[in-house]
Amino acid sequence: MSRVQKSQQKVDALQNQVSDVQDMLNNQISNLAQRGENLEKLQSKTEDLEQSALMFKKGASDVRKAMWWKDMKMKLILGAILTAILIVIITVVVLQTKPAQ
């Protein structure tokens, strides 16, 4: 093999290595671009989830307030009924124990 052929083989081998490195770098750049897109999608989903959480929190707060008022109304009604029953019972007892004139 001549000296020129050996040199050409070395040049070809180096070119193959350079080509491999270029392919690897192109793949890495493509992967980085894909990761960037994935991060943007993840950020968008995170913002959507945050909005949903805020809406849920407001809805839960509204339901809690509505249930508190419903519970309070029920307690007030029961208190009024018990008060009325007590007044009737006390009135009956007082009238029965009152001496006849």
PDB file of N, CA and C in Angstrom:
ATOM      1  N   MET A   1       0.840  -1.150   0.000  1.00  0.00           N
ATOM      2  CA  MET A   1       0.000   0.000   0.000  1.00  0.00           C
ATOM      3  C   MET A   1       0.900   1.232   0.000  1.00  0.00           C
ATOM      4  N   SER A   2       0.520   2.141  -0.793  1.00  0.00           N
ATOM      5  CA  SER A   2       1.357   3.326  -0.909  1.00  0.00           C
ATOM      6  C   SER A   2       1.063   4.315   0.196  1.00  0.00           C
ATOM      7  N   ARG A   3       1.924   5.221   0.292  1.00  0.00           N
ATOM      8  CA  ARG A   3       1.807   6.252   1.299  1.00  0.00           C
ATOM      9  C   ARG A   3       0.544   7.085   1.084  1.00  0.00           C
ATOM     10  N   VAL A   4       0.192   7.348  -0.137  1.00  0.00           N
ATOM     11  CA  VAL A   4      -0.991   8.143  -0.476  1.00  0.00           C
ATOM     12  C   VAL A   4      -2.257   7.392  -0.055  1.00  0.00           C
ATOM     13  N   GLN A   5      -2.247   6.106  -0.268  1.00  0.00           N
ATOM     14  CA  GLN A   5      -3.418   5.308   0.112  1.00  0.00           C
ATOM     15  C   GLN A   5      -3.584   5.282   1.624  1.00  0.00           C
ATOM     16  N   LYS A   6      -2.481   5.165   2.363  1.00  0.00           N
ATOM     17  CA  LYS A   6      -2.554   5.171   3.819  1.00  0.00           C
ATOM     18  C   LYS A   6      -3.068   6.525   4.315  1.00  0.00           C
ATOM     19  N   SER A   7      -2.584   7.562   3.700  1.00  0.00           N
ATOM     20  CA  SER A   7      -3.039   8.902   4.083  1.00  0.00           C
ATOM     21  C   SER A   7      -4.523   9.063   3.779  1.00  0.00           C
ATOM     22  N   GLN A   8      -4.919   8.543   2.633  1.00  0.00           N
ATOM     23  CA  GLN A   8      -6.341   8.642   2.244  1.00  0.00           C
ATOM     24  C   GLN A   8      -7.213   7.849   3.217  1.00  0.00           C
ATOM     25  N   GLN A   9      -6.740   6.706   3.663  1.00  0.00           N
ATOM     26  CA  GLN A   9      -7.481   5.912   4.641  1.00  0.00           C
ATOM     27  C   GLN A   9      -7.612   6.664   5.965  1.00  0.00           C
ATOM     28  N   LYS A  10      -6.550   7.317   6.373  1.00  0.00           N
ATOM     29  CA  LYS A  10      -6.601   8.094   7.602  1.00  0.00           C
ATOM     30  C   LYS A  10      -7.580   9.255   7.467  1.00  0.00           C
ATOM     31  N   VAL A  11      -7.538   9.906   6.308  1.00  0.00           N
ATOM     32  CA  VAL A  11      -8.460  11.023   6.064  1.00  0.00           C
ATOM     33  C   VAL A  11      -9.898  10.510   6.062  1.00  0.00           C
ATOM     34  N   ASP A  12     -10.132   9.381   5.413  1.00  0.00           N
ATOM     35  CA  ASP A  12     -11.480   8.804   5.388  1.00  0.00           C
ATOM     36  C   ASP A  12     -11.946   8.439   6.802  1.00  0.00           C
ATOM     37  N   ALA A  13     -11.060   7.869   7.593  1.00  0.00           N
ATOM     38  CA  ALA A  13     -11.412   7.495   8.965  1.00  0.00           C
ATOM     39  C   ALA A  13     -11.736   8.744   9.776  1.00  0.00           C
ATOM     40  N   LEU A  14     -10.964   9.794   9.627  1.00  0.00           N
ATOM     41  CA  LEU A  14     -11.214  11.045  10.332  1.00  0.00           C
ATOM     42  C   LEU A  14     -12.543  11.665   9.883  1.00  0.00           C
ATOM     43  N   GLN A  15     -12.787  11.598   8.574  1.00  0.00           N
ATOM     44  CA  GLN A  15     -14.060  12.141   8.070  1.00  0.00           C
ATOM     45  C   GLN A  15     -15.241  11.360   8.627  1.00  0.00           C
ATOM     46  N   ASN A  16     -15.100  10.045   8.748  1.00  0.00           N
ATOM     47  CA  ASN A  16     -16.151   9.219   9.339  1.00  0.00           C
ATOM     48  C   ASN A  16     -16.369   9.607  10.803  1.00  0.00           C
ATOM     49  N   GLN A  17     -15.272   9.830  11.526  1.00  0.00           N
ATOM     50  CA  GLN A  17     -15.392  10.243  12.917  1.00  0.00           C
ATOM     51  C   GLN A  17     -16.067  11.613  13.024  1.00  0.00           C
ATOM     52  N   VAL A  18     -15.667  12.536  12.165  1.00  0.00           N
ATOM     53  CA  VAL A  18     -16.276  13.870  12.164  1.00  0.00           C
ATOM     54  C   VAL A  18     -17.756  13.761  11.832  1.00  0.00           C
ATOM     55  N   SER A  19     -18.083  12.915  10.880  1.00  0.00           N
ATOM     56  CA  SER A  19     -19.487  12.721  10.511  1.00  0.00           C
ATOM     57  C   SER A  19     -20.278  12.138  11.677  1.00  0.00           C
ATOM     58  N   ASP A  20     -19.686  11.173  12.372  1.00  0.00           N
ATOM     59  CA  ASP A  20     -20.348  10.593  13.540  1.00  0.00           C
ATOM     60  C   ASP A  20     -20.568  11.648  14.627  1.00  0.00           C
ATOM     61  N   VAL A  21     -19.553  12.465  14.863  1.00  0.00           N
ATOM     62  CA  VAL A  21     -19.675  13.520  15.875  1.00  0.00           C
ATOM     63  C   VAL A  21     -20.762  14.527  15.471  1.00  0.00           C
ATOM     64  N   GLN A  22     -20.806  14.868  14.188  1.00  0.00           N
ATOM     65  CA  GLN A  22     -21.844  15.792  13.705  1.00  0.00           C
ATOM     66  C   GLN A  22     -23.232  15.197  13.908  1.00  0.00           C
ATOM     67  N   ASP A  23     -23.391  13.926  13.587  1.00  0.00           N
ATOM     68  CA  ASP A  23     -24.678  13.259  13.785  1.00  0.00           C
ATOM     69  C   ASP A  23     -25.065  13.258  15.262  1.00  0.00           C
ATOM     70  N   MET A  24     -24.082  12.973  16.113  1.00  0.00           N
ATOM     71  CA  MET A  24     -24.353  12.950  17.544  1.00  0.00           C
ATOM     72  C   MET A  24     -24.759  14.345  18.032  1.00  0.00           C
ATOM     73  N   LEU A  25     -24.057  15.371  17.580  1.00  0.00           N
ATOM     74  CA  LEU A  25     -24.395  16.738  17.981  1.00  0.00           C
ATOM     75  C   LEU A  25     -25.769  17.141  17.469  1.00  0.00           C
ATOM     76  N   ASN A  26     -26.080  16.760  16.243  1.00  0.00           N
ATOM     77  CA  ASN A  26     -27.415  17.060  15.694  1.00  0.00           C
ATOM     78  C   ASN A  26     -28.501  16.390  16.518  1.00  0.00           C
ATOM     79  N   ASN A  27     -28.261  15.132  16.942  1.00  0.00           N
ATOM     80  CA  ASN A  27     -29.230  14.430  17.789  1.00  0.00           C
ATOM     81  C   ASN A  27     -29.380  15.131  19.132  1.00  0.00           C
ATOM     82  N   GLN A  28     -28.267  15.565  19.708  1.00  0.00           N
ATOM     83  CA  GLN A  28     -28.317  16.263  20.995  1.00  0.00           C
ATOM     84  C   GLN A  28     -29.096  17.575  20.883  1.00  0.00           C
ATOM     85  N   ILE A  29     -28.856  18.300  19.820  1.00  0.00           N
ATOM     86  CA  ILE A  29     -29.578  19.566  19.603  1.00  0.00           C
ATOM     87  C   ILE A  29     -31.064  19.288  19.421  1.00  0.00           C
ATOM     88  N   SER A  30     -31.390  18.244  18.682  1.00  0.00           N
ATOM     89  CA  SER A  30     -32.798  17.870  18.492  1.00  0.00           C
ATOM     90  C   SER A  30     -33.439  17.488  19.823  1.00  0.00           C
ATOM     91  N   ASN A  31     -32.709  16.738  20.638  1.00  0.00           N
ATOM     92  CA  ASN A  31     -33.225  16.350  21.962  1.00  0.00           C
ATOM     93  C   ASN A  31     -33.444  17.571  22.845  1.00  0.00           C
ATOM     94  N   LEU A  32     -32.521  18.520  22.806  1.00  0.00           N
ATOM     95  CA  LEU A  32     -32.675  19.740  23.599  1.00  0.00           C
ATOM     96  C   LEU A  32     -33.913  20.530  23.162  1.00  0.00           C
ATOM     97  N   ALA A  33     -34.123  20.613  21.861  1.00  0.00           N
ATOM     98  CA  ALA A  33     -35.304  21.323  21.358  1.00  0.00           C
ATOM     99  C   ALA A  33     -36.580  20.620  21.827  1.00  0.00           C
ATOM    100  N   GLN A  34     -36.583  19.294  21.792  1.00  0.00           N
ATOM    101  CA  GLN A  34     -37.743  18.528  22.246  1.00  0.00           C
ATOM    102  C   GLN A  34     -37.986  18.737  23.733  1.00  0.00           C
ATOM    103  N   ARG A  35     -36.921  18.766  24.522  1.00  0.00           N
ATOM    104  CA  ARG A  35     -37.068  19.019  25.959  1.00  0.00           C
ATOM    105  C   ARG A  35     -37.659  20.396  26.212  1.00  0.00           C
ATOM    106  N   GLY A  36     -37.210  21.377  25.428  1.00  0.00           N
ATOM    107  CA  GLY A  36     -37.762  22.729  25.565  1.00  0.00           C
ATOM    108  C   GLY A  36     -39.251  22.747  25.288  1.00  0.00           C
ATOM    109  N   GLU A  37     -39.682  22.035  24.251  1.00  0.00           N
ATOM    110  CA  GLU A  37     -41.103  21.956  23.928  1.00  0.00           C
ATOM    111  C   GLU A  37     -41.863  21.265  25.058  1.00  0.00           C
ATOM    112  N   ASN A  38     -41.279  20.195  25.585  1.00  0.00           N
ATOM    113  CA  ASN A  38     -41.926  19.475  26.683  1.00  0.00           C
ATOM    114  C   ASN A  38     -42.055  20.352  27.919  1.00  0.00           C
ATOM    115  N   LEU A  39     -41.026  21.150  28.190  1.00  0.00           N
ATOM    116  CA  LEU A  39     -41.085  22.056  29.338  1.00  0.00           C
ATOM    117  C   LEU A  39     -42.176  23.103  29.150  1.00  0.00           C
ATOM    118  N   GLU A  40     -42.327  23.606  27.933  1.00  0.00           N
ATOM    119  CA  GLU A  40     -43.386  24.582  27.661  1.00  0.00           C
ATOM    120  C   GLU A  40     -44.762  23.950  27.861  1.00  0.00           C
ATOM    121  N   LYS A  41     -44.929  22.725  27.393  1.00  0.00           N
ATOM    122  CA  LYS A  41     -46.206  22.034  27.586  1.00  0.00           C
ATOM    123  C   LYS A  41     -46.481  21.819  29.071  1.00  0.00           C
ATOM    124  N   LEU A  42     -45.449  21.421  29.802  1.00  0.00           N
ATOM    125  CA  LEU A  42     -45.596  21.190  31.236  1.00  0.00           C
ATOM    126  C   LEU A  42     -45.953  22.482  31.961  1.00  0.00           C
ATOM    127  N   GLN A  43     -45.338  23.576  31.572  1.00  0.00           N
ATOM    128  CA  GLN A  43     -45.643  24.867  32.184  1.00  0.00           C
ATOM    129  C   GLN A  43     -47.087  25.262  31.894  1.00  0.00           C
ATOM    130  N   SER A  44     -47.538  25.034  30.679  1.00  0.00           N
ATOM    131  CA  SER A  44     -48.923  25.346  30.318  1.00  0.00           C
ATOM    132  C   SER A  44     -49.899  24.505  31.140  1.00  0.00           C
ATOM    133  N   LYS A  45     -49.605  23.227  31.273  1.00  0.00           N
ATOM    134  CA  LYS A  45     -50.466  22.348  32.072  1.00  0.00           C
ATOM    135  C   LYS A  45     -50.466  22.767  33.537  1.00  0.00           C
ATOM    136  N   THR A  46     -49.316  23.199  34.030  1.00  0.00           N
ATOM    137  CA  THR A  46     -49.220  23.652  35.412  1.00  0.00           C
ATOM    138  C   THR A  46     -50.080  24.884  35.633  1.00  0.00           C
ATOM    139  N   GLU A  47     -50.044  25.817  34.695  1.00  0.00           N
ATOM    140  CA  GLU A  47     -50.867  27.026  34.811  1.00  0.00           C
ATOM    141  C   GLU A  47     -52.352  26.668  34.765  1.00  0.00           C
ATOM    142  N   ASP A  48     -52.724  25.735  33.895  1.00  0.00           N
ATOM    143  CA  ASP A  48     -54.123  25.297  33.828  1.00  0.00           C
ATOM    144  C   ASP A  48     -54.556  24.647  35.143  1.00  0.00           C
ATOM    145  N   LEU A  49     -53.685  23.838  35.704  1.00  0.00           N
ATOM    146  CA  LEU A  49     -53.990  23.172  36.967  1.00  0.00           C
ATOM    147  C   LEU A  49     -54.126  24.190  38.093  1.00  0.00           C
ATOM    148  N   GLU A  50     -53.294  25.207  38.066  1.00  0.00           N
ATOM    149  CA  GLU A  50     -53.374  26.253  39.095  1.00  0.00           C
ATOM    150  C   GLU A  50     -54.711  26.985  38.998  1.00  0.00           C
ATOM    151  N   GLN A  51     -55.143  27.287  37.784  1.00  0.00           N
ATOM    152  CA  GLN A  51     -56.436  27.948  37.586  1.00  0.00           C
ATOM    153  C   GLN A  51     -57.571  27.048  38.071  1.00  0.00           C
ATOM    154  N   SER A  52     -57.479  25.771  37.759  1.00  0.00           N
ATOM    155  CA  SER A  52     -58.515  24.832  38.204  1.00  0.00           C
ATOM    156  C   SER A  52     -58.551  24.742  39.724  1.00  0.00           C
ATOM    157  N   ALA A  53     -57.387  24.756  40.331  1.00  0.00           N
ATOM    158  CA  ALA A  53     -57.321  24.689  41.794  1.00  0.00           C
ATOM    159  C   ALA A  53     -57.954  25.925  42.425  1.00  0.00           C
ATOM    160  N   LEU A  54     -57.705  27.087  41.830  1.00  0.00           N
ATOM    161  CA  LEU A  54     -58.315  28.319  42.355  1.00  0.00           C
ATOM    162  C   LEU A  54     -59.837  28.286  42.213  1.00  0.00           C
ATOM    163  N   MET A  55     -60.316  27.795  41.067  1.00  0.00           N
ATOM    164  CA  MET A  55     -61.762  27.694  40.861  1.00  0.00           C
ATOM    165  C   MET A  55     -62.363  26.699  41.848  1.00  0.00           C
ATOM    166  N   PHE A  56     -61.693  25.580  42.081  1.00  0.00           N
ATOM    167  CA  PHE A  56     -62.178  24.586  43.032  1.00  0.00           C
ATOM    168  C   PHE A  56     -62.224  25.173  44.436  1.00  0.00           C
ATOM    169  N   LYS A  57     -61.186  25.901  44.801  1.00  0.00           N
ATOM    170  CA  LYS A  57     -61.128  26.501  46.129  1.00  0.00           C
ATOM    171  C   LYS A  57     -62.282  27.480  46.329  1.00  0.00           C
ATOM    172  N   LYS A  58     -62.563  28.295  45.312  1.00  0.00           N
ATOM    173  CA  LYS A  58     -63.670  29.249  45.413  1.00  0.00           C
ATOM    174  C   LYS A  58     -65.006  28.509  45.508  1.00  0.00           C
ATOM    175  N   GLY A  59     -65.175  27.491  44.688  1.00  0.00           N
ATOM    176  CA  GLY A  59     -66.408  26.701  44.730  1.00  0.00           C
ATOM    177  C   GLY A  59     -66.588  26.018  46.077  1.00  0.00           C
ATOM    178  N   ALA A  60     -65.510  25.466  46.614  1.00  0.00           N
ATOM    179  CA  ALA A  60     -65.583  24.795  47.916  1.00  0.00           C
ATOM    180  C   ALA A  60     -65.922  25.795  49.016  1.00  0.00           C
ATOM    181  N   SER A  61     -65.361  26.984  48.915  1.00  0.00           N
ATOM    182  CA  SER A  61     -65.654  28.022  49.907  1.00  0.00           C
ATOM    183  C   SER A  61     -67.122  28.439  49.833  1.00  0.00           C
ATOM    184  N   ASP A  62     -67.632  28.573  48.613  1.00  0.00           N
ATOM    185  CA  ASP A  62     -69.050  28.931  48.442  1.00  0.00           C
ATOM    186  C   ASP A  62     -69.969  27.855  49.016  1.00  0.00           C
ATOM    187  N   VAL A  63     -69.633  26.602  48.757  1.00  0.00           N
ATOM    188  CA  VAL A  63     -70.440  25.495  49.280  1.00  0.00           C
ATOM    189  C   VAL A  63     -70.378  25.467  50.806  1.00  0.00           C
ATOM    190  N   ARG A  64     -69.178  25.696  51.359  1.00  0.00           N
ATOM    191  CA  ARG A  64     -69.025  25.707  52.816  1.00  0.00           C
ATOM    192  C   ARG A  64     -69.885  26.794  53.442  1.00  0.00           C
ATOM    193  N   LYS A  65     -69.876  27.987  52.849  1.00  0.00           N
ATOM    194  CA  LYS A  65     -70.694  29.084  53.379  1.00  0.00           C
ATOM    195  C   LYS A  65     -72.183  28.757  53.268  1.00  0.00           C
ATOM    196  N   ALA A  66     -72.593  28.196  52.143  1.00  0.00           N
ATOM    197  CA  ALA A  66     -74.003  27.840  51.963  1.00  0.00           C
ATOM    198  C   ALA A  66     -74.435  26.795  52.983  1.00  0.00           C
ATOM    199  N   MET A  67     -73.599  25.809  53.218  1.00  0.00           N
ATOM    200  CA  MET A  67     -73.942  24.771  54.195  1.00  0.00           C
ATOM    201  C   MET A  67     -73.960  25.342  55.617  1.00  0.00           C
ATOM    202  N   TRP A  68     -73.069  26.284  55.918  1.00  0.00           N
ATOM    203  CA  TRP A  68     -73.065  26.908  57.236  1.00  0.00           C
ATOM    204  C   TRP A  68     -74.379  27.644  57.470  1.00  0.00           C
ATOM    205  N   TRP A  69     -74.813  28.421  56.452  1.00  0.00           N
ATOM    206  CA  TRP A  69     -76.084  29.143  56.589  1.00  0.00           C
ATOM    207  C   TRP A  69     -77.254  28.174  56.727  1.00  0.00           C
ATOM    208  N   LYS A  70     -77.245  27.094  55.966  1.00  0.00           N
ATOM    209  CA  LYS A  70     -78.319  26.098  56.061  1.00  0.00           C
ATOM    210  C   LYS A  70     -78.348  25.494  57.456  1.00  0.00           C
ATOM    211  N   ASP A  71     -77.181  25.144  57.988  1.00  0.00           N
ATOM    212  CA  ASP A  71     -77.082  24.581  59.333  1.00  0.00           C
ATOM    213  C   ASP A  71     -77.553  25.598  60.376  1.00  0.00           C
ATOM    214  N   MET A  72     -77.156  26.858  60.205  1.00  0.00           N
ATOM    215  CA  MET A  72     -77.555  27.897  61.154  1.00  0.00           C
ATOM    216  C   MET A  72     -79.077  28.099  61.121  1.00  0.00           C
ATOM    217  N   LYS A  73     -79.671  28.099  59.946  1.00  0.00           N
ATOM    218  CA  LYS A  73     -81.133  28.244  59.841  1.00  0.00           C
ATOM    219  C   LYS A  73     -81.840  27.103  60.566  1.00  0.00           C
ATOM    220  N   MET A  74     -81.308  25.890  60.380  1.00  0.00           N
ATOM    221  CA  MET A  74     -81.911  24.728  61.033  1.00  0.00           C
ATOM    222  C   MET A  74     -81.808  24.858  62.548  1.00  0.00           C
ATOM    223  N   LYS A  75     -80.672  25.312  63.053  1.00  0.00           N
ATOM    224  CA  LYS A  75     -80.502  25.499  64.499  1.00  0.00           C
ATOM    225  C   LYS A  75     -81.454  26.572  65.020  1.00  0.00           C
ATOM    226  N   LEU A  76     -81.609  27.657  64.277  1.00  0.00           N
ATOM    227  CA  LEU A  76     -82.525  28.727  64.698  1.00  0.00           C
ATOM    228  C   LEU A  76     -83.973  28.238  64.725  1.00  0.00           C
ATOM    229  N   ILE A  77     -84.366  27.474  63.724  1.00  0.00           N
ATOM    230  CA  ILE A  77     -85.733  26.941  63.677  1.00  0.00           C
ATOM    231  C   ILE A  77     -85.960  25.986  64.846  1.00  0.00           C
ATOM    232  N   LEU A  78     -85.008  25.087  65.094  1.00  0.00           N
ATOM    233  CA  LEU A  78     -85.141  24.164  66.223  1.00  0.00           C
ATOM    234  C   LEU A  78     -85.180  24.919  67.550  1.00  0.00           C
ATOM    235  N   GLY A  79     -84.355  25.956  67.676  1.00  0.00           N
ATOM    236  CA  GLY A  79     -84.367  26.768  68.890  1.00  0.00           C
ATOM    237  C   GLY A  79     -85.709  27.464  69.091  1.00  0.00           C
ATOM    238  N   ALA A  80     -86.278  27.974  68.005  1.00  0.00           N
ATOM    239  CA  ALA A  80     -87.586  28.641  68.105  1.00  0.00           C
ATOM    240  C   ALA A  80     -88.675  27.634  68.483  1.00  0.00           C
ATOM    241  N   ILE A  81     -88.626  26.450  67.901  1.00  0.00           N
ATOM    242  CA  ILE A  81     -89.627  25.427  68.221  1.00  0.00           C
ATOM    243  C   ILE A  81     -89.508  25.013  69.687  1.00  0.00           C
ATOM    244  N   LEU A  82     -88.283  24.768  70.154  1.00  0.00           N
ATOM    245  CA  LEU A  82     -88.083  24.386  71.556  1.00  0.00           C
ATOM    246  C   LEU A  82     -88.536  25.503  72.499  1.00  0.00           C
ATOM    247  N   THR A  83     -88.258  26.741  72.142  1.00  0.00           N
ATOM    248  CA  THR A  83     -88.699  27.871  72.963  1.00  0.00           C
ATOM    249  C   THR A  83     -90.219  27.929  73.024  1.00  0.00           C
ATOM    250  N   ALA A  84     -90.873  27.739  71.889  1.00  0.00           N
ATOM    251  CA  ALA A  84     -92.336  27.758  71.855  1.00  0.00           C
ATOM    252  C   ALA A  84     -92.904  26.626  72.707  1.00  0.00           C
ATOM    253  N   ILE A  85     -92.319  25.429  72.624  1.00  0.00           N
ATOM    254  CA  ILE A  85     -92.787  24.295  73.429  1.00  0.00           C
ATOM    255  C   ILE A  85     -92.610  24.594  74.915  1.00  0.00           C
ATOM    256  N   LEU A  86     -91.468  25.149  75.275  1.00  0.00           N
ATOM    257  CA  LEU A  86     -91.229  25.495  76.676  1.00  0.00           C
ATOM    258  C   LEU A  86     -92.230  26.543  77.171  1.00  0.00           C
ATOM    259  N   ILE A  87     -92.527  27.524  76.346  1.00  0.00           N
ATOM    260  CA  ILE A  87     -93.506  28.556  76.735  1.00  0.00           C
ATOM    261  C   ILE A  87     -94.875  27.928  76.955  1.00  0.00           C
ATOM    262  N   VAL A  88     -95.270  27.018  76.057  1.00  0.00           N
ATOM    263  CA  VAL A  88     -96.573  26.348  76.201  1.00  0.00           C
ATOM    264  C   VAL A  88     -96.582  25.521  77.487  1.00  0.00           C
ATOM    265  N   ILE A  89     -95.534  24.763  77.743  1.00  0.00           N
ATOM    266  CA  ILE A  89     -95.474  23.921  78.941  1.00  0.00           C
ATOM    267  C   ILE A  89     -95.510  24.785  80.203  1.00  0.00           C
ATOM    268  N   ILE A  90     -94.731  25.849  80.237  1.00  0.00           N
ATOM    269  CA  ILE A  90     -94.705  26.731  81.407  1.00  0.00           C
ATOM    270  C   ILE A  90     -96.065  27.389  81.606  1.00  0.00           C
ATOM    271  N   THR A  91     -96.691  27.809  80.530  1.00  0.00           N
ATOM    272  CA  THR A  91     -98.009  28.434  80.632  1.00  0.00           C
ATOM    273  C   THR A  91     -99.021  27.447  81.186  1.00  0.00           C
ATOM    274  N   VAL A  92     -99.019  26.217  80.711  1.00  0.00           N
ATOM    275  CA  VAL A  92     -99.948  25.192  81.193  1.00  0.00           C
ATOM    276  C   VAL A  92     -99.701  24.926  82.671  1.00  0.00           C
ATOM    277  N   VAL A  93     -98.459  24.773  83.066  1.00  0.00           N
ATOM    278  CA  VAL A  93     -98.128  24.498  84.470  1.00  0.00           C
ATOM    279  C   VAL A  93     -98.549  25.671  85.350  1.00  0.00           C
ATOM    280  N   VAL A  94     -98.285  26.870  84.927  1.00  0.00           N
ATOM    281  CA  VAL A  94     -98.636  28.049  85.725  1.00  0.00           C
ATOM    282  C   VAL A  94    -100.162  28.160  85.864  1.00  0.00           C
ATOM    283  N   LEU A  95    -100.871  27.929  84.788  1.00  0.00           N
ATOM    284  CA  LEU A  95    -102.332  28.022  84.844  1.00  0.00           C
ATOM    285  C   LEU A  95    -102.930  26.939  85.723  1.00  0.00           C
ATOM    286  N   GLN A  96    -102.346  25.755  85.733  1.00  0.00           N
ATOM    287  CA  GLN A  96    -102.859  24.668  86.557  1.00  0.00           C
ATOM    288  C   GLN A  96    -102.548  24.874  88.044  1.00  0.00           C
ATOM    289  N   THR A  97    -101.437  25.483  88.319  1.00  0.00           N
ATOM    290  CA  THR A  97    -101.065  25.675  89.725  1.00  0.00           C
ATOM    291  C   THR A  97    -101.586  26.986  90.298  1.00  0.00           C
ATOM    292  N   LYS A  98    -102.171  27.820  89.514  1.00  0.00           N
ATOM    293  CA  LYS A  98    -102.705  29.079  89.965  1.00  0.00           C
ATOM    294  C   LYS A  98    -103.995  28.823  90.751  1.00  0.00           C
ATOM    295  N   PRO A  99    -104.124  29.409  91.944  1.00  0.00           N
ATOM    296  CA  PRO A  99    -105.359  29.150  92.733  1.00  0.00           C
ATOM    297  C   PRO A  99    -106.573  29.754  92.044  1.00  0.00           C
ATOM    298  N   ALA A 100    -107.651  29.069  92.121  1.00  0.00           N
ATOM    299  CA  ALA A 100    -108.886  29.553  91.519  1.00  0.00           C
ATOM    300  C   ALA A 100    -109.442  30.709  92.347  1.00  0.00           C
ATOM    301  N   GLN A 101    -109.942  31.716  91.716  1.00  0.00           N
ATOM    302  CA  GLN A 101    -110.422  32.891  92.431  1.00  0.00           C
ATOM    303  C   GLN A 101    -111.896  32.914  92.487  1.00  0.00           C
TER     304      GLN A 101
END
